[in-house]
Amino acid sequence: MWKKGKRKSEDCEGADAAEGGAPSSKSYKRASDDESDEITVCQVSKNRKVSVKSWQGNIMVSIREYYFKEGKELPTKKGISLSLDQWKILRDHVGEIDKAVAENE
């Protein structure tokens, strides 16, 4: 929801086009920013990535959209960061999620 006075940022443009891209193979690479401990696990689409990072002493699994500004790749608000406990719960229920998706296809 847009707040009064806020403008739609560049990262929202073309978001629908990003979903059509095929997922790339797994690759592990460190973020270019030296102060970040982020490891990119895979690129889900053109603008979406799954990464693992340390934030305030906690390990987080982040699924997030990114955009480019002045040659740098920056995260948007669109996404979720899961704590290690939340990630383990989600991982344990992948079979049930797959089954529900198959029933709805």
N, C-alpha and C. Protein backbone atom coordinates (compact mmCIF):
# COMPACT_ATOMS: atom_id res chain seq x y z
N MET A 1 0.84 -1.16 0.00
CA MET A 1 0.00 0.00 0.00
C MET A 1 0.89 1.23 0.00
N TRP A 2 0.54 2.19 -0.85
CA TRP A 2 1.35 3.39 -0.98
C TRP A 2 0.93 4.40 0.06
N LYS A 3 1.91 5.00 0.70
CA LYS A 3 1.65 6.05 1.67
C LYS A 3 1.68 7.39 0.96
N LYS A 4 0.94 8.34 1.50
CA LYS A 4 0.90 9.67 0.91
C LYS A 4 2.30 10.27 0.88
N GLY A 5 2.68 10.78 -0.28
CA GLY A 5 3.98 11.41 -0.41
C GLY A 5 5.08 10.45 -0.86
N LYS A 6 4.81 9.16 -0.86
CA LYS A 6 5.82 8.19 -1.30
C LYS A 6 5.65 7.98 -2.79
N ARG A 7 6.74 7.82 -3.48
CA ARG A 7 6.71 7.56 -4.91
C ARG A 7 7.06 6.12 -5.17
N LYS A 8 6.51 5.56 -6.19
CA LYS A 8 6.82 4.20 -6.59
C LYS A 8 8.26 4.17 -7.08
N SER A 9 9.08 3.29 -6.48
CA SER A 9 10.50 3.27 -6.82
C SER A 9 10.77 2.44 -8.07
N GLU A 10 11.96 2.57 -8.58
CA GLU A 10 12.37 1.88 -9.79
C GLU A 10 12.30 0.37 -9.64
N ASP A 11 12.48 -0.13 -8.42
CA ASP A 11 12.52 -1.58 -8.23
C ASP A 11 11.17 -2.22 -8.50
N CYS A 12 10.08 -1.47 -8.50
CA CYS A 12 8.76 -2.03 -8.75
C CYS A 12 8.48 -2.16 -10.23
N GLU A 13 9.17 -1.39 -11.05
CA GLU A 13 8.96 -1.45 -12.49
C GLU A 13 9.49 -2.76 -13.03
N GLY A 14 8.68 -3.41 -13.84
CA GLY A 14 9.12 -4.64 -14.47
C GLY A 14 9.16 -5.83 -13.53
N ALA A 15 8.50 -5.76 -12.40
CA ALA A 15 8.50 -6.89 -11.47
C ALA A 15 7.80 -8.09 -12.08
N ASP A 16 6.75 -7.84 -12.87
CA ASP A 16 6.04 -8.94 -13.51
C ASP A 16 6.91 -9.63 -14.55
N ALA A 17 7.76 -8.89 -15.22
CA ALA A 17 8.64 -9.47 -16.23
C ALA A 17 9.69 -10.37 -15.60
N ALA A 18 10.06 -10.10 -14.37
CA ALA A 18 11.09 -10.88 -13.70
C ALA A 18 10.62 -12.28 -13.39
N GLU A 19 9.31 -12.48 -13.21
CA GLU A 19 8.80 -13.78 -12.84
C GLU A 19 8.89 -14.79 -13.97
N GLY A 20 8.95 -14.32 -15.21
CA GLY A 20 8.97 -15.23 -16.34
C GLY A 20 10.30 -15.91 -16.58
N GLY A 21 11.36 -15.44 -15.94
CA GLY A 21 12.69 -16.00 -16.17
C GLY A 21 12.85 -17.37 -15.55
N ALA A 22 13.62 -18.20 -16.19
CA ALA A 22 13.88 -19.54 -15.67
C ALA A 22 14.88 -19.48 -14.52
N PRO A 23 14.69 -20.31 -13.49
CA PRO A 23 15.64 -20.30 -12.38
C PRO A 23 17.02 -20.76 -12.83
N SER A 24 18.02 -20.15 -12.29
CA SER A 24 19.38 -20.52 -12.65
C SER A 24 19.86 -21.64 -11.74
N SER A 25 20.98 -22.22 -12.09
CA SER A 25 21.53 -23.30 -11.27
C SER A 25 22.09 -22.72 -9.98
N LYS A 26 22.31 -23.60 -9.00
CA LYS A 26 22.81 -23.15 -7.72
C LYS A 26 24.20 -22.57 -7.86
N SER A 27 24.41 -21.47 -7.18
CA SER A 27 25.74 -20.87 -7.14
C SER A 27 25.92 -20.22 -5.78
N TYR A 28 27.09 -20.38 -5.24
CA TYR A 28 27.38 -19.80 -3.94
C TYR A 28 28.41 -18.70 -4.15
N LYS A 29 28.03 -17.48 -3.83
CA LYS A 29 28.99 -16.40 -3.97
C LYS A 29 28.75 -15.36 -2.89
N ARG A 30 29.82 -14.75 -2.47
CA ARG A 30 29.74 -13.72 -1.44
C ARG A 30 29.24 -12.43 -2.06
N ALA A 31 28.52 -11.67 -1.28
CA ALA A 31 28.08 -10.36 -1.73
C ALA A 31 29.30 -9.48 -1.94
N SER A 32 29.19 -8.52 -2.86
CA SER A 32 30.33 -7.68 -3.17
C SER A 32 30.66 -6.71 -2.04
N ASP A 33 29.72 -6.44 -1.18
CA ASP A 33 29.93 -5.51 -0.08
C ASP A 33 30.76 -6.19 1.01
N ASP A 34 31.90 -5.63 1.37
CA ASP A 34 32.82 -6.24 2.32
C ASP A 34 32.24 -6.35 3.73
N GLU A 35 31.35 -5.42 4.12
CA GLU A 35 30.82 -5.45 5.47
C GLU A 35 29.70 -6.48 5.65
N SER A 36 29.27 -7.12 4.57
CA SER A 36 28.19 -8.09 4.63
C SER A 36 28.75 -9.51 4.63
N ASP A 37 28.12 -10.40 5.41
CA ASP A 37 28.48 -11.81 5.42
C ASP A 37 27.46 -12.61 4.61
N GLU A 38 26.90 -12.01 3.58
CA GLU A 38 25.84 -12.63 2.79
C GLU A 38 26.41 -13.60 1.77
N ILE A 39 25.80 -14.78 1.69
CA ILE A 39 26.15 -15.78 0.69
C ILE A 39 24.92 -16.03 -0.16
N THR A 40 25.01 -15.78 -1.47
CA THR A 40 23.90 -16.05 -2.38
C THR A 40 23.87 -17.53 -2.69
N VAL A 41 22.76 -18.17 -2.36
CA VAL A 41 22.62 -19.61 -2.56
C VAL A 41 22.12 -19.88 -3.97
N CYS A 42 21.07 -19.18 -4.41
CA CYS A 42 20.59 -19.36 -5.77
C CYS A 42 19.82 -18.12 -6.23
N GLN A 43 19.75 -17.97 -7.51
CA GLN A 43 18.98 -16.90 -8.13
C GLN A 43 17.68 -17.54 -8.59
N VAL A 44 16.55 -17.13 -8.01
CA VAL A 44 15.26 -17.72 -8.32
C VAL A 44 14.71 -17.17 -9.63
N SER A 45 14.89 -15.89 -9.87
CA SER A 45 14.52 -15.25 -11.12
C SER A 45 15.46 -14.06 -11.33
N LYS A 46 15.15 -13.24 -12.31
CA LYS A 46 16.04 -12.13 -12.64
C LYS A 46 16.32 -11.24 -11.43
N ASN A 47 15.29 -10.93 -10.65
CA ASN A 47 15.45 -9.99 -9.55
C ASN A 47 15.31 -10.63 -8.17
N ARG A 48 15.13 -11.94 -8.08
CA ARG A 48 14.92 -12.60 -6.80
C ARG A 48 16.06 -13.56 -6.48
N LYS A 49 16.49 -13.50 -5.21
CA LYS A 49 17.59 -14.37 -4.77
C LYS A 49 17.27 -14.98 -3.41
N VAL A 50 17.86 -16.15 -3.18
CA VAL A 50 17.86 -16.77 -1.85
C VAL A 50 19.28 -16.62 -1.33
N SER A 51 19.41 -16.08 -0.13
CA SER A 51 20.73 -15.89 0.44
C SER A 51 20.71 -16.22 1.93
N VAL A 52 21.89 -16.51 2.44
CA VAL A 52 22.09 -16.77 3.86
C VAL A 52 23.04 -15.71 4.37
N LYS A 53 22.67 -15.09 5.50
CA LYS A 53 23.53 -14.03 6.03
C LYS A 53 23.45 -14.01 7.54
N SER A 54 24.44 -13.37 8.12
CA SER A 54 24.46 -13.17 9.56
C SER A 54 24.00 -11.75 9.82
N TRP A 55 22.96 -11.59 10.65
CA TRP A 55 22.42 -10.28 10.96
C TRP A 55 22.23 -10.17 12.46
N GLN A 56 22.90 -9.25 13.07
CA GLN A 56 22.88 -9.02 14.51
C GLN A 56 23.19 -10.31 15.28
N GLY A 57 24.14 -11.06 14.77
CA GLY A 57 24.58 -12.29 15.43
C GLY A 57 23.71 -13.50 15.17
N ASN A 58 22.66 -13.35 14.36
CA ASN A 58 21.77 -14.47 14.04
C ASN A 58 21.91 -14.84 12.57
N ILE A 59 21.81 -16.13 12.27
CA ILE A 59 21.83 -16.59 10.88
C ILE A 59 20.42 -16.47 10.32
N MET A 60 20.31 -15.84 9.16
CA MET A 60 19.02 -15.60 8.52
C MET A 60 19.04 -16.15 7.10
N VAL A 61 17.92 -16.76 6.68
CA VAL A 61 17.71 -17.18 5.30
C VAL A 61 16.78 -16.14 4.69
N SER A 62 17.25 -15.48 3.65
CA SER A 62 16.52 -14.37 3.06
C SER A 62 16.09 -14.71 1.63
N ILE A 63 14.81 -14.53 1.35
CA ILE A 63 14.26 -14.66 0.00
C ILE A 63 13.75 -13.28 -0.35
N ARG A 64 14.39 -12.63 -1.31
CA ARG A 64 14.15 -11.21 -1.49
C ARG A 64 14.32 -10.77 -2.95
N GLU A 65 13.63 -9.68 -3.31
CA GLU A 65 13.82 -9.04 -4.60
C GLU A 65 14.92 -7.99 -4.47
N TYR A 66 15.67 -7.81 -5.55
CA TYR A 66 16.76 -6.84 -5.59
C TYR A 66 16.58 -5.92 -6.80
N TYR A 67 17.21 -4.77 -6.75
CA TYR A 67 17.22 -3.85 -7.87
C TYR A 67 18.62 -3.25 -7.98
N PHE A 68 18.92 -2.67 -9.16
CA PHE A 68 20.22 -2.05 -9.38
C PHE A 68 20.08 -0.54 -9.34
N LYS A 69 21.01 0.09 -8.61
CA LYS A 69 21.06 1.55 -8.55
C LYS A 69 22.52 1.96 -8.55
N GLU A 70 22.90 2.77 -9.52
CA GLU A 70 24.26 3.26 -9.66
C GLU A 70 25.28 2.11 -9.65
N GLY A 71 24.95 1.03 -10.35
CA GLY A 71 25.87 -0.10 -10.48
C GLY A 71 25.91 -1.04 -9.29
N LYS A 72 25.12 -0.77 -8.26
CA LYS A 72 25.09 -1.64 -7.09
C LYS A 72 23.76 -2.39 -7.03
N GLU A 73 23.82 -3.65 -6.60
CA GLU A 73 22.61 -4.43 -6.40
C GLU A 73 22.14 -4.23 -4.97
N LEU A 74 20.91 -3.75 -4.79
CA LEU A 74 20.38 -3.42 -3.48
C LEU A 74 19.09 -4.19 -3.20
N PRO A 75 18.85 -4.57 -1.94
CA PRO A 75 17.62 -5.29 -1.61
C PRO A 75 16.42 -4.35 -1.53
N THR A 76 15.24 -4.89 -1.82
CA THR A 76 14.00 -4.14 -1.66
C THR A 76 13.32 -4.61 -0.37
N LYS A 77 12.18 -4.01 -0.06
CA LYS A 77 11.38 -4.45 1.08
C LYS A 77 10.62 -5.72 0.76
N LYS A 78 10.52 -6.04 -0.52
CA LYS A 78 9.75 -7.21 -0.95
C LYS A 78 10.55 -8.47 -0.70
N GLY A 79 10.18 -9.18 0.33
CA GLY A 79 10.87 -10.41 0.64
C GLY A 79 10.65 -10.79 2.08
N ILE A 80 11.32 -11.84 2.49
CA ILE A 80 11.21 -12.34 3.85
C ILE A 80 12.56 -12.83 4.31
N SER A 81 12.84 -12.62 5.58
CA SER A 81 14.04 -13.16 6.21
C SER A 81 13.58 -14.09 7.32
N LEU A 82 14.02 -15.33 7.25
CA LEU A 82 13.63 -16.34 8.22
C LEU A 82 14.79 -16.62 9.17
N SER A 83 14.48 -16.71 10.45
CA SER A 83 15.49 -17.12 11.42
C SER A 83 15.80 -18.61 11.18
N LEU A 84 16.85 -19.10 11.79
CA LEU A 84 17.22 -20.50 11.61
C LEU A 84 16.10 -21.44 12.06
N ASP A 85 15.44 -21.11 13.17
CA ASP A 85 14.32 -21.94 13.65
C ASP A 85 13.16 -21.93 12.66
N GLN A 86 12.83 -20.76 12.13
CA GLN A 86 11.75 -20.67 11.15
C GLN A 86 12.11 -21.42 9.87
N TRP A 87 13.36 -21.31 9.44
CA TRP A 87 13.82 -22.02 8.24
C TRP A 87 13.68 -23.53 8.43
N LYS A 88 14.06 -24.05 9.58
CA LYS A 88 13.96 -25.49 9.84
C LYS A 88 12.52 -25.97 9.81
N ILE A 89 11.60 -25.17 10.34
CA ILE A 89 10.18 -25.53 10.29
C ILE A 89 9.69 -25.58 8.85
N LEU A 90 10.03 -24.56 8.07
CA LEU A 90 9.64 -24.53 6.66
C LEU A 90 10.23 -25.71 5.91
N ARG A 91 11.50 -25.98 6.12
CA ARG A 91 12.20 -27.09 5.46
C ARG A 91 11.53 -28.43 5.78
N ASP A 92 11.11 -28.60 7.04
CA ASP A 92 10.47 -29.86 7.45
C ASP A 92 9.09 -30.06 6.82
N HIS A 93 8.47 -28.97 6.34
CA HIS A 93 7.14 -29.06 5.76
C HIS A 93 7.12 -28.95 4.24
N VAL A 94 8.26 -29.06 3.60
CA VAL A 94 8.34 -28.93 2.15
C VAL A 94 7.51 -30.00 1.45
N GLY A 95 7.53 -31.22 1.96
CA GLY A 95 6.74 -32.29 1.36
C GLY A 95 5.25 -31.98 1.36
N GLU A 96 4.75 -31.45 2.46
CA GLU A 96 3.33 -31.08 2.55
C GLU A 96 3.00 -29.93 1.60
N ILE A 97 3.92 -28.98 1.48
CA ILE A 97 3.72 -27.86 0.58
C ILE A 97 3.68 -28.35 -0.86
N ASP A 98 4.61 -29.24 -1.23
CA ASP A 98 4.63 -29.81 -2.58
C ASP A 98 3.33 -30.55 -2.89
N LYS A 99 2.83 -31.29 -1.92
CA LYS A 99 1.59 -32.04 -2.10
C LYS A 99 0.41 -31.08 -2.34
N ALA A 100 0.34 -30.00 -1.55
CA ALA A 100 -0.73 -29.01 -1.72
C ALA A 100 -0.64 -28.31 -3.07
N VAL A 101 0.57 -28.01 -3.51
CA VAL A 101 0.75 -27.38 -4.84
C VAL A 101 0.30 -28.33 -5.93
N ALA A 102 0.65 -29.62 -5.83
CA ALA A 102 0.27 -30.61 -6.84
C ALA A 102 -1.25 -30.76 -6.91
N GLU A 103 -1.91 -30.68 -5.77
CA GLU A 103 -3.38 -30.80 -5.75
C GLU A 103 -4.05 -29.60 -6.43
N ASN A 104 -3.41 -28.45 -6.40
CA ASN A 104 -3.99 -27.24 -6.95
C ASN A 104 -3.57 -26.95 -8.39
N GLU A 105 -2.75 -27.78 -8.96
CA GLU A 105 -2.31 -27.55 -10.35
C GLU A 105 -3.33 -28.04 -11.33
